[in-house]
């Protein structure tokens, strides 16, 4: 019986290739922690060249652009490509990565004691079938009230210059976030529950991608 079970395991099909169209280490870590072994192919999309009427739509436009560019590459043939992009919606404006330390400081001073909505667009493309599923996940973030000195120290760390909204839940700014309403993974950069639903739309079970 042990021989039969071993042979059955040896003939199990390999999981589909999953390609992450993002340079984000946080998104890569989320996928790995959830049992995936994604490859990374950075899209190189010029985010500043794209626009949309609302922050939620902008996040989706950016995600679709990233997934589309990578899905068209020969090295992505036959793979599932996931593109994501996040913006913080505050006062109806879409806030991405701050341009410099001065902007990051001003951003935090305007955010403290308030709430914003972290919008993350997700686009999943099956390059084998050409089918695509996409959606935006939204999570409300309630910011604490860090002092000017705390903000200055955080900005000096360099972290806020590399993340949408100038903050993240999995880094130094976590103590400055009082609470969230929604999926914490979405704030970090990728909603695993939404990814599961998008896979389902394409007829793929999330467990089939586990390694």
N, C-alpha and C. Protein backbone atom coordinates (compact mmCIF):
# COMPACT_ATOMS: atom_id res chain seq x y z
N UNK A 1 0.82 -1.21 0.00
CA UNK A 1 0.00 0.00 0.00
C UNK A 1 0.86 1.27 0.00
N UNK A 2 1.98 1.22 0.76
CA UNK A 2 2.84 2.40 0.80
C UNK A 2 3.42 2.69 -0.58
N UNK A 3 3.75 1.63 -1.35
CA UNK A 3 4.29 1.80 -2.70
C UNK A 3 3.26 2.45 -3.62
N UNK A 4 1.99 2.03 -3.51
CA UNK A 4 0.93 2.59 -4.34
C UNK A 4 0.74 4.08 -4.04
N UNK A 5 0.74 4.44 -2.75
CA UNK A 5 0.55 5.84 -2.39
C UNK A 5 1.70 6.69 -2.89
N UNK A 6 2.93 6.16 -2.79
CA UNK A 6 4.09 6.90 -3.25
C UNK A 6 4.03 7.14 -4.75
N UNK A 7 3.63 6.10 -5.51
CA UNK A 7 3.53 6.26 -6.96
C UNK A 7 2.45 7.26 -7.32
N UNK A 8 1.33 7.26 -6.55
CA UNK A 8 0.26 8.22 -6.82
C UNK A 8 0.75 9.64 -6.64
N UNK A 9 1.53 9.85 -5.56
CA UNK A 9 2.05 11.19 -5.33
C UNK A 9 3.02 11.60 -6.44
N UNK A 10 3.80 10.65 -6.93
CA UNK A 10 4.77 10.97 -7.96
C UNK A 10 4.11 11.36 -9.28
N UNK A 11 2.89 10.91 -9.50
CA UNK A 11 2.21 11.22 -10.76
C UNK A 11 1.29 12.43 -10.66
N UNK A 12 1.19 13.03 -9.45
CA UNK A 12 0.38 14.24 -9.31
C UNK A 12 0.92 15.33 -10.23
N UNK A 13 0.04 16.06 -10.91
CA UNK A 13 0.52 17.13 -11.81
C UNK A 13 1.17 18.24 -11.01
N UNK A 14 2.16 18.88 -11.59
CA UNK A 14 2.81 20.02 -10.94
C UNK A 14 1.83 21.19 -10.90
N UNK A 15 1.91 22.03 -9.86
CA UNK A 15 1.02 23.18 -9.79
C UNK A 15 1.30 24.16 -10.92
N UNK A 16 0.26 24.90 -11.30
CA UNK A 16 0.44 25.92 -12.34
C UNK A 16 1.46 26.95 -11.90
N UNK A 17 2.22 27.48 -12.84
CA UNK A 17 3.15 28.56 -12.53
C UNK A 17 2.37 29.81 -12.18
N UNK A 18 2.79 30.47 -11.12
CA UNK A 18 2.20 31.73 -10.72
C UNK A 18 3.28 32.79 -10.82
N UNK A 19 3.00 33.83 -11.58
CA UNK A 19 3.96 34.92 -11.77
C UNK A 19 3.42 36.18 -11.12
N UNK A 20 4.21 36.79 -10.27
CA UNK A 20 3.85 38.05 -9.63
C UNK A 20 4.46 39.19 -10.43
N UNK A 21 3.59 40.04 -10.98
CA UNK A 21 4.05 41.17 -11.80
C UNK A 21 4.30 42.38 -10.92
N UNK A 22 5.17 42.22 -9.94
CA UNK A 22 5.43 43.29 -8.98
C UNK A 22 6.77 43.07 -8.32
N UNK A 23 7.44 44.16 -8.00
CA UNK A 23 8.72 44.08 -7.29
C UNK A 23 8.54 44.12 -5.78
N UNK A 24 7.29 44.15 -5.31
CA UNK A 24 7.02 44.31 -3.88
C UNK A 24 7.43 43.08 -3.07
N UNK A 25 8.38 43.22 -2.15
CA UNK A 25 8.75 42.09 -1.30
C UNK A 25 7.62 41.68 -0.37
N UNK A 26 6.75 42.63 -0.01
CA UNK A 26 5.64 42.31 0.88
C UNK A 26 4.63 41.40 0.18
N UNK A 27 4.33 41.68 -1.09
CA UNK A 27 3.40 40.81 -1.83
C UNK A 27 4.01 39.42 -2.02
N UNK A 28 5.28 39.38 -2.33
CA UNK A 28 5.95 38.09 -2.50
C UNK A 28 5.91 37.29 -1.21
N UNK A 29 6.13 37.94 -0.08
CA UNK A 29 6.11 37.25 1.21
C UNK A 29 4.71 36.72 1.53
N UNK A 30 3.68 37.51 1.24
CA UNK A 30 2.31 37.07 1.49
C UNK A 30 2.00 35.79 0.70
N UNK A 31 2.38 35.76 -0.55
CA UNK A 31 2.11 34.59 -1.39
C UNK A 31 2.89 33.37 -0.90
N UNK A 32 4.13 33.56 -0.55
CA UNK A 32 4.93 32.44 -0.06
C UNK A 32 4.37 31.89 1.25
N UNK A 33 3.96 32.78 2.14
CA UNK A 33 3.41 32.34 3.43
C UNK A 33 2.10 31.57 3.25
N UNK A 34 1.41 31.83 2.14
CA UNK A 34 0.13 31.16 1.88
C UNK A 34 0.30 29.85 1.10
N UNK A 35 1.54 29.43 0.87
CA UNK A 35 1.77 28.14 0.24
C UNK A 35 2.08 28.17 -1.24
N UNK A 36 2.29 29.37 -1.81
CA UNK A 36 2.61 29.50 -3.22
C UNK A 36 4.12 29.64 -3.42
N UNK A 37 4.57 29.40 -4.63
CA UNK A 37 5.98 29.62 -4.98
C UNK A 37 6.03 30.49 -6.23
N UNK A 38 5.66 31.76 -6.10
CA UNK A 38 5.57 32.62 -7.28
C UNK A 38 6.93 33.00 -7.85
N UNK A 39 6.96 33.16 -9.16
CA UNK A 39 8.10 33.77 -9.82
C UNK A 39 7.81 35.27 -9.87
N UNK A 40 8.84 36.06 -9.99
CA UNK A 40 8.67 37.51 -10.06
C UNK A 40 9.17 38.03 -11.41
N UNK A 41 8.30 38.73 -12.12
CA UNK A 41 8.68 39.43 -13.34
C UNK A 41 8.15 40.86 -13.21
N UNK A 42 9.01 41.81 -13.07
CA UNK A 42 8.59 43.21 -12.86
C UNK A 42 8.13 43.81 -14.19
N UNK A 43 7.00 44.49 -14.14
CA UNK A 43 6.37 44.98 -15.37
C UNK A 43 7.07 46.20 -15.96
N UNK A 44 7.57 47.07 -15.10
CA UNK A 44 8.17 48.31 -15.59
C UNK A 44 7.16 49.34 -16.03
N UNK A 45 5.89 49.18 -15.66
CA UNK A 45 4.85 50.14 -16.04
C UNK A 45 5.13 51.50 -15.39
N UNK A 46 4.97 52.57 -16.15
CA UNK A 46 5.11 53.93 -15.64
C UNK A 46 3.80 54.31 -14.96
N UNK A 47 3.77 54.20 -13.64
CA UNK A 47 2.53 54.44 -12.90
C UNK A 47 2.03 55.87 -13.04
N UNK A 48 2.94 56.81 -13.18
CA UNK A 48 2.54 58.22 -13.28
C UNK A 48 1.86 58.54 -14.61
N UNK A 49 2.00 57.65 -15.60
CA UNK A 49 1.42 57.91 -16.91
C UNK A 49 -0.05 57.49 -17.01
N UNK A 50 -0.55 56.82 -15.97
CA UNK A 50 -1.92 56.31 -16.00
C UNK A 50 -2.82 57.11 -15.06
N UNK A 51 -4.09 57.16 -15.40
CA UNK A 51 -5.06 57.91 -14.58
C UNK A 51 -6.41 57.22 -14.63
N UNK A 52 -7.28 57.62 -13.71
CA UNK A 52 -8.64 57.09 -13.65
C UNK A 52 -9.49 58.05 -12.83
N UNK A 53 -10.82 57.97 -12.97
CA UNK A 53 -11.69 58.94 -12.28
C UNK A 53 -11.65 58.85 -10.76
N UNK A 54 -11.44 57.66 -10.20
CA UNK A 54 -11.47 57.49 -8.75
C UNK A 54 -10.23 56.70 -8.30
N UNK A 55 -9.86 56.80 -7.01
CA UNK A 55 -8.73 56.01 -6.51
C UNK A 55 -8.91 54.52 -6.69
N UNK A 56 -10.12 54.00 -6.47
CA UNK A 56 -10.36 52.57 -6.64
C UNK A 56 -10.16 52.15 -8.08
N UNK A 57 -10.64 52.97 -9.00
CA UNK A 57 -10.46 52.66 -10.42
C UNK A 57 -9.00 52.78 -10.84
N UNK A 58 -8.30 53.75 -10.26
CA UNK A 58 -6.89 53.91 -10.58
C UNK A 58 -6.09 52.68 -10.15
N UNK A 59 -6.36 52.19 -8.94
CA UNK A 59 -5.66 50.99 -8.45
C UNK A 59 -5.88 49.82 -9.41
N UNK A 60 -7.10 49.70 -9.93
CA UNK A 60 -7.40 48.60 -10.84
C UNK A 60 -6.73 48.80 -12.20
N UNK A 61 -6.75 50.03 -12.70
CA UNK A 61 -6.10 50.32 -13.98
C UNK A 61 -4.61 49.98 -13.90
N UNK A 62 -3.97 50.34 -12.81
CA UNK A 62 -2.55 50.06 -12.64
C UNK A 62 -2.28 48.56 -12.55
N UNK A 63 -3.14 47.85 -11.81
CA UNK A 63 -2.97 46.39 -11.70
C UNK A 63 -3.15 45.71 -13.04
N UNK A 64 -4.15 46.14 -13.80
CA UNK A 64 -4.40 45.54 -15.12
C UNK A 64 -3.25 45.83 -16.08
N UNK A 65 -2.69 47.04 -15.98
CA UNK A 65 -1.57 47.38 -16.85
C UNK A 65 -0.36 46.51 -16.54
N UNK A 66 -0.07 46.30 -15.27
CA UNK A 66 1.08 45.48 -14.88
C UNK A 66 0.89 44.03 -15.32
N UNK A 67 -0.29 43.49 -15.05
CA UNK A 67 -0.56 42.11 -15.45
C UNK A 67 -0.51 41.96 -16.96
N UNK A 68 -1.03 42.94 -17.68
CA UNK A 68 -1.07 42.86 -19.13
C UNK A 68 0.31 42.86 -19.75
N UNK A 69 1.19 43.72 -19.25
CA UNK A 69 2.55 43.79 -19.79
C UNK A 69 3.29 42.47 -19.57
N UNK A 70 3.21 41.94 -18.36
CA UNK A 70 3.94 40.71 -18.04
C UNK A 70 3.33 39.51 -18.74
N UNK A 71 1.99 39.45 -18.83
CA UNK A 71 1.34 38.31 -19.48
C UNK A 71 1.72 38.20 -20.95
N UNK A 72 2.09 39.32 -21.58
CA UNK A 72 2.45 39.30 -23.00
C UNK A 72 3.89 38.86 -23.24
N UNK A 73 4.67 38.70 -22.19
CA UNK A 73 6.07 38.31 -22.34
C UNK A 73 6.20 36.81 -22.60
N UNK A 74 7.15 36.41 -23.44
CA UNK A 74 7.34 34.98 -23.73
C UNK A 74 7.61 34.15 -22.49
N UNK A 75 8.33 34.72 -21.51
CA UNK A 75 8.68 33.95 -20.31
C UNK A 75 7.49 33.71 -19.39
N UNK A 76 6.37 34.36 -19.67
CA UNK A 76 5.17 34.14 -18.86
C UNK A 76 4.19 33.18 -19.54
N UNK A 77 4.56 32.63 -20.67
CA UNK A 77 3.66 31.74 -21.41
C UNK A 77 3.23 30.56 -20.55
N UNK A 78 1.92 30.32 -20.51
CA UNK A 78 1.36 29.20 -19.77
C UNK A 78 1.16 29.46 -18.29
N UNK A 79 1.58 30.63 -17.81
CA UNK A 79 1.51 30.93 -16.38
C UNK A 79 0.25 31.71 -16.03
N UNK A 80 -0.04 31.75 -14.75
CA UNK A 80 -1.03 32.65 -14.19
C UNK A 80 -0.29 33.89 -13.71
N UNK A 81 -0.70 35.05 -14.19
CA UNK A 81 -0.01 36.29 -13.86
C UNK A 81 -0.91 37.14 -12.96
N UNK A 82 -0.39 37.55 -11.81
CA UNK A 82 -1.15 38.40 -10.92
C UNK A 82 -0.47 39.77 -10.83
N UNK A 83 -1.23 40.80 -11.18
CA UNK A 83 -0.75 42.17 -11.07
C UNK A 83 -1.52 42.88 -9.97
N UNK A 84 -0.83 43.65 -9.15
CA UNK A 84 -1.47 44.39 -8.06
C UNK A 84 -0.91 45.80 -7.98
N UNK A 85 -1.73 46.71 -7.51
CA UNK A 85 -1.23 48.04 -7.21
C UNK A 85 -2.12 48.68 -6.15
N UNK A 86 -1.51 49.43 -5.25
CA UNK A 86 -2.25 50.02 -4.13
C UNK A 86 -2.12 51.54 -4.12
N UNK A 87 -3.21 52.19 -3.71
CA UNK A 87 -3.18 53.63 -3.43
C UNK A 87 -4.00 53.87 -2.17
N UNK A 88 -3.64 54.91 -1.45
CA UNK A 88 -4.42 55.31 -0.29
C UNK A 88 -5.39 56.41 -0.71
N UNK A 89 -6.67 56.18 -0.45
CA UNK A 89 -7.68 57.19 -0.75
C UNK A 89 -7.89 58.05 0.49
N UNK A 90 -7.60 59.33 0.36
CA UNK A 90 -7.78 60.29 1.45
C UNK A 90 -8.34 61.58 0.86
N UNK A 91 -9.48 61.99 1.38
CA UNK A 91 -10.15 63.19 0.85
C UNK A 91 -10.42 63.07 -0.64
N UNK A 92 -10.71 61.85 -1.09
CA UNK A 92 -11.04 61.62 -2.48
C UNK A 92 -9.85 61.58 -3.41
N UNK A 93 -8.64 61.74 -2.87
CA UNK A 93 -7.43 61.74 -3.68
C UNK A 93 -6.72 60.39 -3.57
N UNK A 94 -6.03 59.99 -4.63
CA UNK A 94 -5.25 58.76 -4.64
C UNK A 94 -3.81 59.08 -4.29
N UNK A 95 -3.34 58.54 -3.19
CA UNK A 95 -1.98 58.81 -2.73
C UNK A 95 -1.14 57.55 -2.91
N UNK A 96 -0.13 57.64 -3.75
CA UNK A 96 0.78 56.52 -3.95
C UNK A 96 2.02 56.69 -3.10
N UNK A 97 3.18 56.36 -3.64
CA UNK A 97 4.43 56.53 -2.91
C UNK A 97 4.81 58.01 -2.90
N UNK A 98 5.20 58.55 -1.75
CA UNK A 98 5.63 59.95 -1.73
C UNK A 98 6.90 60.15 -2.54
N UNK A 99 7.04 61.31 -3.12
CA UNK A 99 8.18 61.59 -4.00
C UNK A 99 9.47 61.77 -3.22
N UNK A 100 9.37 62.31 -2.01
CA UNK A 100 10.58 62.56 -1.22
C UNK A 100 10.22 62.64 0.25
N UNK A 101 11.23 62.87 1.09
CA UNK A 101 11.02 62.89 2.54
C UNK A 101 10.08 64.03 2.95
N UNK A 102 10.19 65.16 2.27
CA UNK A 102 9.33 66.30 2.60
C UNK A 102 7.86 65.95 2.37
N UNK A 103 7.58 65.30 1.25
CA UNK A 103 6.20 64.90 0.97
C UNK A 103 5.73 63.83 1.96
N UNK A 104 6.58 62.90 2.31
CA UNK A 104 6.21 61.86 3.27
C UNK A 104 5.87 62.47 4.63
N UNK A 105 6.64 63.46 5.04
CA UNK A 105 6.38 64.13 6.32
C UNK A 105 5.04 64.86 6.29
N UNK A 106 4.79 65.60 5.22
CA UNK A 106 3.52 66.32 5.09
C UNK A 106 2.36 65.35 5.03
N UNK A 107 2.56 64.23 4.35
CA UNK A 107 1.52 63.21 4.22
C UNK A 107 1.12 62.68 5.61
N UNK A 108 2.11 62.32 6.41
CA UNK A 108 1.81 61.78 7.73
C UNK A 108 1.15 62.81 8.64
N UNK A 109 1.55 64.05 8.54
CA UNK A 109 0.92 65.09 9.36
C UNK A 109 -0.54 65.30 8.97
N UNK A 110 -0.85 65.06 7.69
CA UNK A 110 -2.24 65.20 7.24
C UNK A 110 -3.07 63.96 7.57
N UNK A 111 -2.41 62.79 7.71
CA UNK A 111 -3.14 61.54 7.95
C UNK A 111 -3.42 61.28 9.42
N UNK A 112 -2.57 61.75 10.31
CA UNK A 112 -2.68 61.34 11.70
C UNK A 112 -4.02 61.75 12.33
N UNK A 113 -4.58 60.81 13.08
CA UNK A 113 -5.87 61.03 13.71
C UNK A 113 -7.05 60.88 12.78
N UNK A 114 -6.80 60.46 11.53
CA UNK A 114 -7.87 60.37 10.55
C UNK A 114 -7.96 58.95 9.98
N UNK A 115 -8.92 58.74 9.10
CA UNK A 115 -9.10 57.45 8.43
C UNK A 115 -8.96 57.63 6.93
N UNK A 116 -8.39 56.61 6.29
CA UNK A 116 -8.30 56.57 4.84
C UNK A 116 -8.70 55.18 4.36
N UNK A 117 -8.79 55.02 3.07
CA UNK A 117 -9.16 53.72 2.49
C UNK A 117 -8.01 53.25 1.61
N UNK A 118 -7.47 52.08 1.95
CA UNK A 118 -6.41 51.51 1.13
C UNK A 118 -7.06 50.71 0.01
N UNK A 119 -6.87 51.15 -1.20
CA UNK A 119 -7.44 50.50 -2.39
C UNK A 119 -6.35 49.70 -3.09
N UNK A 120 -6.57 48.40 -3.26
CA UNK A 120 -5.60 47.58 -3.99
C UNK A 120 -6.29 46.89 -5.15
N UNK A 121 -5.84 47.22 -6.35
CA UNK A 121 -6.35 46.56 -7.54
C UNK A 121 -5.65 45.23 -7.75
N UNK A 122 -6.41 44.24 -8.18
CA UNK A 122 -5.88 42.90 -8.46
C UNK A 122 -6.32 42.49 -9.86
N UNK A 123 -5.39 42.02 -10.66
CA UNK A 123 -5.72 41.51 -11.98
C UNK A 123 -5.02 40.18 -12.18
N UNK A 124 -5.80 39.14 -12.46
CA UNK A 124 -5.26 37.79 -12.67
C UNK A 124 -5.51 37.39 -14.11
N UNK A 125 -4.43 37.06 -14.82
CA UNK A 125 -4.53 36.64 -16.22
C UNK A 125 -4.00 35.23 -16.39
N UNK A 126 -4.81 34.37 -16.99
CA UNK A 126 -4.39 33.01 -17.33
C UNK A 126 -3.86 33.06 -18.76
N UNK A 127 -2.54 33.03 -18.91
CA UNK A 127 -1.97 33.17 -20.25
C UNK A 127 -2.24 31.94 -21.11
N UNK A 128 -2.61 30.83 -20.48
CA UNK A 128 -2.91 29.62 -21.26
C UNK A 128 -4.25 29.75 -21.98
N UNK A 129 -5.22 30.39 -21.32
CA UNK A 129 -6.55 30.53 -21.92
C UNK A 129 -6.82 31.94 -22.43
N UNK A 130 -6.05 32.91 -21.96
CA UNK A 130 -6.28 34.29 -22.34
C UNK A 130 -7.35 34.97 -21.51
N UNK A 131 -7.89 34.27 -20.52
CA UNK A 131 -8.96 34.85 -19.69
C UNK A 131 -8.36 35.68 -18.56
N UNK A 132 -9.12 36.69 -18.16
CA UNK A 132 -8.68 37.61 -17.10
C UNK A 132 -9.81 37.87 -16.12
N UNK A 133 -9.48 37.98 -14.85
CA UNK A 133 -10.43 38.37 -13.81
C UNK A 133 -9.78 39.46 -12.98
N UNK A 134 -10.53 40.49 -12.64
CA UNK A 134 -9.94 41.59 -11.88
C UNK A 134 -10.96 42.23 -10.96
N UNK A 135 -10.46 42.84 -9.89
CA UNK A 135 -11.31 43.52 -8.92
C UNK A 135 -10.43 44.34 -7.98
N UNK A 136 -11.04 45.27 -7.27
CA UNK A 136 -10.33 46.09 -6.29
C UNK A 136 -10.84 45.75 -4.89
N UNK A 137 -9.92 45.58 -3.96
CA UNK A 137 -10.27 45.36 -2.55
C UNK A 137 -10.04 46.65 -1.77
N UNK A 138 -10.93 46.93 -0.81
CA UNK A 138 -10.86 48.19 -0.06
C UNK A 138 -10.81 47.89 1.44
N UNK A 139 -9.90 48.55 2.14
CA UNK A 139 -9.76 48.38 3.57
C UNK A 139 -9.64 49.74 4.23
N UNK A 140 -10.47 50.01 5.22
CA UNK A 140 -10.40 51.27 5.94
C UNK A 140 -9.27 51.22 6.97
N UNK A 141 -8.45 52.26 6.99
CA UNK A 141 -7.31 52.35 7.90
C UNK A 141 -7.50 53.56 8.81
N UNK A 142 -7.44 53.32 10.12
CA UNK A 142 -7.55 54.42 11.09
C UNK A 142 -6.16 54.70 11.66
N UNK A 143 -5.67 55.88 11.38
CA UNK A 143 -4.32 56.24 11.79
C UNK A 143 -4.31 56.80 13.22
N UNK A 144 -3.24 56.51 13.93
CA UNK A 144 -3.04 57.08 15.25
C UNK A 144 -2.53 58.51 15.13
N UNK A 145 -1.95 59.00 16.23
CA UNK A 145 -1.47 60.38 16.23
C UNK A 145 -0.01 60.42 16.64
N UNK A 146 0.88 59.95 15.77
CA UNK A 146 2.30 60.04 16.09
C UNK A 146 2.75 61.49 16.22
N UNK A 147 3.70 61.72 17.11
CA UNK A 147 4.22 63.07 17.30
C UNK A 147 5.07 63.50 16.11
N UNK A 148 5.39 64.78 16.05
CA UNK A 148 6.26 65.27 14.98
C UNK A 148 7.61 64.55 15.02
N UNK A 149 8.11 64.29 16.22
CA UNK A 149 9.40 63.62 16.37
C UNK A 149 9.31 62.18 15.86
N UNK A 150 8.20 61.50 16.15
CA UNK A 150 8.03 60.13 15.67
C UNK A 150 7.92 60.09 14.14
N UNK A 151 7.20 61.05 13.59
CA UNK A 151 7.08 61.13 12.13
C UNK A 151 8.45 61.37 11.51
N UNK A 152 9.21 62.28 12.08
CA UNK A 152 10.54 62.59 11.55
C UNK A 152 11.44 61.36 11.59
N UNK A 153 11.37 60.60 12.68
CA UNK A 153 12.19 59.39 12.80
C UNK A 153 11.76 58.35 11.78
N UNK A 154 10.45 58.23 11.58
CA UNK A 154 9.95 57.25 10.62
C UNK A 154 10.37 57.62 9.20
N UNK A 155 10.22 58.87 8.85
CA UNK A 155 10.60 59.30 7.51
C UNK A 155 12.10 59.11 7.30
N UNK A 156 12.90 59.37 8.35
CA UNK A 156 14.35 59.20 8.25
C UNK A 156 14.74 57.74 8.01
N UNK A 157 13.87 56.80 8.39
CA UNK A 157 14.16 55.39 8.15
C UNK A 157 14.14 55.04 6.67
N UNK A 158 13.48 55.88 5.86
CA UNK A 158 13.38 55.64 4.43
C UNK A 158 12.21 54.77 4.01
N UNK A 159 11.59 54.08 4.95
CA UNK A 159 10.53 53.14 4.60
C UNK A 159 9.34 53.78 3.88
N UNK A 160 8.86 54.93 4.35
CA UNK A 160 7.64 55.46 3.71
C UNK A 160 7.81 55.87 2.26
N UNK A 161 9.04 56.00 1.79
CA UNK A 161 9.26 56.40 0.40
C UNK A 161 9.02 55.25 -0.57
N UNK A 162 8.88 54.04 -0.04
CA UNK A 162 8.78 52.86 -0.91
C UNK A 162 7.42 52.18 -0.86
N UNK A 163 6.45 52.79 -0.15
CA UNK A 163 5.15 52.13 0.01
C UNK A 163 4.02 53.11 -0.27
N UNK A 164 2.94 52.58 -0.85
CA UNK A 164 1.77 53.41 -1.16
C UNK A 164 1.19 53.99 0.11
N UNK A 165 0.86 55.29 0.06
CA UNK A 165 0.30 55.93 1.23
C UNK A 165 1.31 56.31 2.27
N UNK A 166 2.58 55.98 2.06
CA UNK A 166 3.67 56.30 2.98
C UNK A 166 3.59 55.52 4.29
N UNK A 167 2.93 54.36 4.27
CA UNK A 167 2.84 53.55 5.48
C UNK A 167 2.65 52.09 5.09
N UNK A 168 2.87 51.20 6.05
CA UNK A 168 2.58 49.78 5.84
C UNK A 168 2.29 49.13 7.18
N UNK A 169 1.55 48.03 7.15
CA UNK A 169 1.23 47.30 8.38
C UNK A 169 2.33 46.35 8.80
N UNK A 170 3.24 46.03 7.90
CA UNK A 170 4.25 45.02 8.21
C UNK A 170 5.63 45.63 8.39
N UNK A 171 5.67 46.89 8.83
CA UNK A 171 6.94 47.57 9.00
C UNK A 171 6.93 48.52 10.18
N UNK A 172 7.77 49.53 10.12
CA UNK A 172 7.97 50.44 11.23
C UNK A 172 6.75 51.31 11.54
N UNK A 173 5.87 51.49 10.57
CA UNK A 173 4.70 52.35 10.82
C UNK A 173 3.54 51.62 11.46
N UNK A 174 3.66 50.31 11.68
CA UNK A 174 2.56 49.54 12.28
C UNK A 174 2.09 50.14 13.62
N UNK A 175 2.98 50.63 14.49
CA UNK A 175 2.50 51.22 15.75
C UNK A 175 1.71 52.51 15.57
N UNK A 176 1.77 53.08 14.37
CA UNK A 176 1.05 54.33 14.12
C UNK A 176 -0.33 54.10 13.49
N UNK A 177 -0.72 52.83 13.34
CA UNK A 177 -2.03 52.50 12.79
C UNK A 177 -2.88 51.94 13.93
N UNK A 178 -3.94 52.65 14.30
CA UNK A 178 -4.76 52.23 15.44
C UNK A 178 -5.60 51.00 15.13
N UNK A 179 -6.19 50.95 13.93
CA UNK A 179 -7.04 49.81 13.59
C UNK A 179 -7.33 49.82 12.10
N UNK A 180 -7.85 48.70 11.62
CA UNK A 180 -8.30 48.62 10.24
C UNK A 180 -9.65 47.93 10.21
N UNK A 181 -10.38 48.15 9.16
CA UNK A 181 -11.67 47.49 8.95
C UNK A 181 -11.59 46.81 7.58
N UNK A 182 -11.27 45.51 7.58
CA UNK A 182 -11.13 44.78 6.34
C UNK A 182 -9.95 43.85 6.38
N UNK A 183 -9.49 43.43 5.22
CA UNK A 183 -8.42 42.45 5.09
C UNK A 183 -7.06 43.11 5.31
N UNK A 184 -6.30 42.67 6.34
CA UNK A 184 -4.98 43.27 6.57
C UNK A 184 -4.01 43.01 5.43
N UNK A 185 -4.12 41.85 4.78
CA UNK A 185 -3.25 41.55 3.64
C UNK A 185 -3.43 42.56 2.53
N UNK A 186 -4.63 43.05 2.37
CA UNK A 186 -4.89 44.05 1.34
C UNK A 186 -4.09 45.32 1.59
N UNK A 187 -3.95 45.69 2.87
CA UNK A 187 -3.18 46.88 3.22
C UNK A 187 -1.69 46.64 2.97
N UNK A 188 -1.25 45.42 3.23
CA UNK A 188 0.16 45.07 2.99
C UNK A 188 0.46 45.03 1.51
N UNK A 189 -0.56 44.68 0.70
CA UNK A 189 -0.33 44.74 -0.74
C UNK A 189 -1.08 43.75 -1.59
N UNK A 190 -1.69 42.71 -0.97
CA UNK A 190 -2.40 41.70 -1.77
C UNK A 190 -3.43 41.00 -0.90
N UNK A 191 -4.67 40.96 -1.37
CA UNK A 191 -5.74 40.28 -0.64
C UNK A 191 -5.82 38.83 -1.07
N UNK A 192 -5.43 37.92 -0.20
CA UNK A 192 -5.49 36.49 -0.52
C UNK A 192 -6.92 36.00 -0.71
N UNK A 193 -7.90 36.45 0.10
CA UNK A 193 -9.28 36.03 -0.17
C UNK A 193 -9.77 36.48 -1.54
N UNK A 194 -9.40 37.69 -1.96
CA UNK A 194 -9.80 38.15 -3.29
C UNK A 194 -9.09 37.34 -4.37
N UNK A 195 -7.82 37.02 -4.15
CA UNK A 195 -7.11 36.19 -5.11
C UNK A 195 -7.80 34.84 -5.28
N UNK A 196 -8.26 34.27 -4.18
CA UNK A 196 -8.98 32.98 -4.27
C UNK A 196 -10.24 33.13 -5.11
N UNK A 197 -10.97 34.22 -4.93
CA UNK A 197 -12.20 34.42 -5.70
C UNK A 197 -11.89 34.63 -7.19
N UNK A 198 -10.83 35.37 -7.48
CA UNK A 198 -10.46 35.58 -8.89
C UNK A 198 -10.04 34.28 -9.54
N UNK A 199 -9.30 33.45 -8.81
CA UNK A 199 -8.94 32.14 -9.34
C UNK A 199 -10.20 31.32 -9.63
N UNK A 200 -11.18 31.41 -8.73
CA UNK A 200 -12.43 30.68 -8.92
C UNK A 200 -13.16 31.12 -10.17
N UNK A 201 -13.10 32.43 -10.47
CA UNK A 201 -13.74 32.92 -11.69
C UNK A 201 -13.12 32.31 -12.94
N UNK A 202 -11.85 31.93 -12.84
CA UNK A 202 -11.16 31.32 -13.97
C UNK A 202 -11.18 29.80 -13.90
N UNK A 203 -11.95 29.27 -12.94
CA UNK A 203 -12.10 27.81 -12.84
C UNK A 203 -10.92 27.12 -12.20
N UNK A 204 -10.17 27.84 -11.36
CA UNK A 204 -8.98 27.28 -10.73
C UNK A 204 -9.14 27.31 -9.21
N UNK A 205 -8.84 26.21 -8.55
CA UNK A 205 -8.89 26.16 -7.09
C UNK A 205 -7.57 26.65 -6.52
N UNK A 206 -7.64 27.46 -5.48
CA UNK A 206 -6.43 28.01 -4.88
C UNK A 206 -5.52 26.90 -4.39
N UNK A 207 -6.10 25.78 -3.92
CA UNK A 207 -5.29 24.69 -3.40
C UNK A 207 -4.47 23.99 -4.48
N UNK A 208 -4.87 24.18 -5.75
CA UNK A 208 -4.12 23.57 -6.85
C UNK A 208 -2.79 24.29 -7.09
N UNK A 209 -2.62 25.46 -6.48
CA UNK A 209 -1.38 26.21 -6.67
C UNK A 209 -0.42 26.03 -5.50
N UNK A 210 -0.84 25.30 -4.47
CA UNK A 210 0.05 25.07 -3.34
C UNK A 210 1.23 24.20 -3.74
N UNK A 211 2.36 24.45 -3.14
CA UNK A 211 3.55 23.64 -3.41
C UNK A 211 4.03 22.98 -2.12
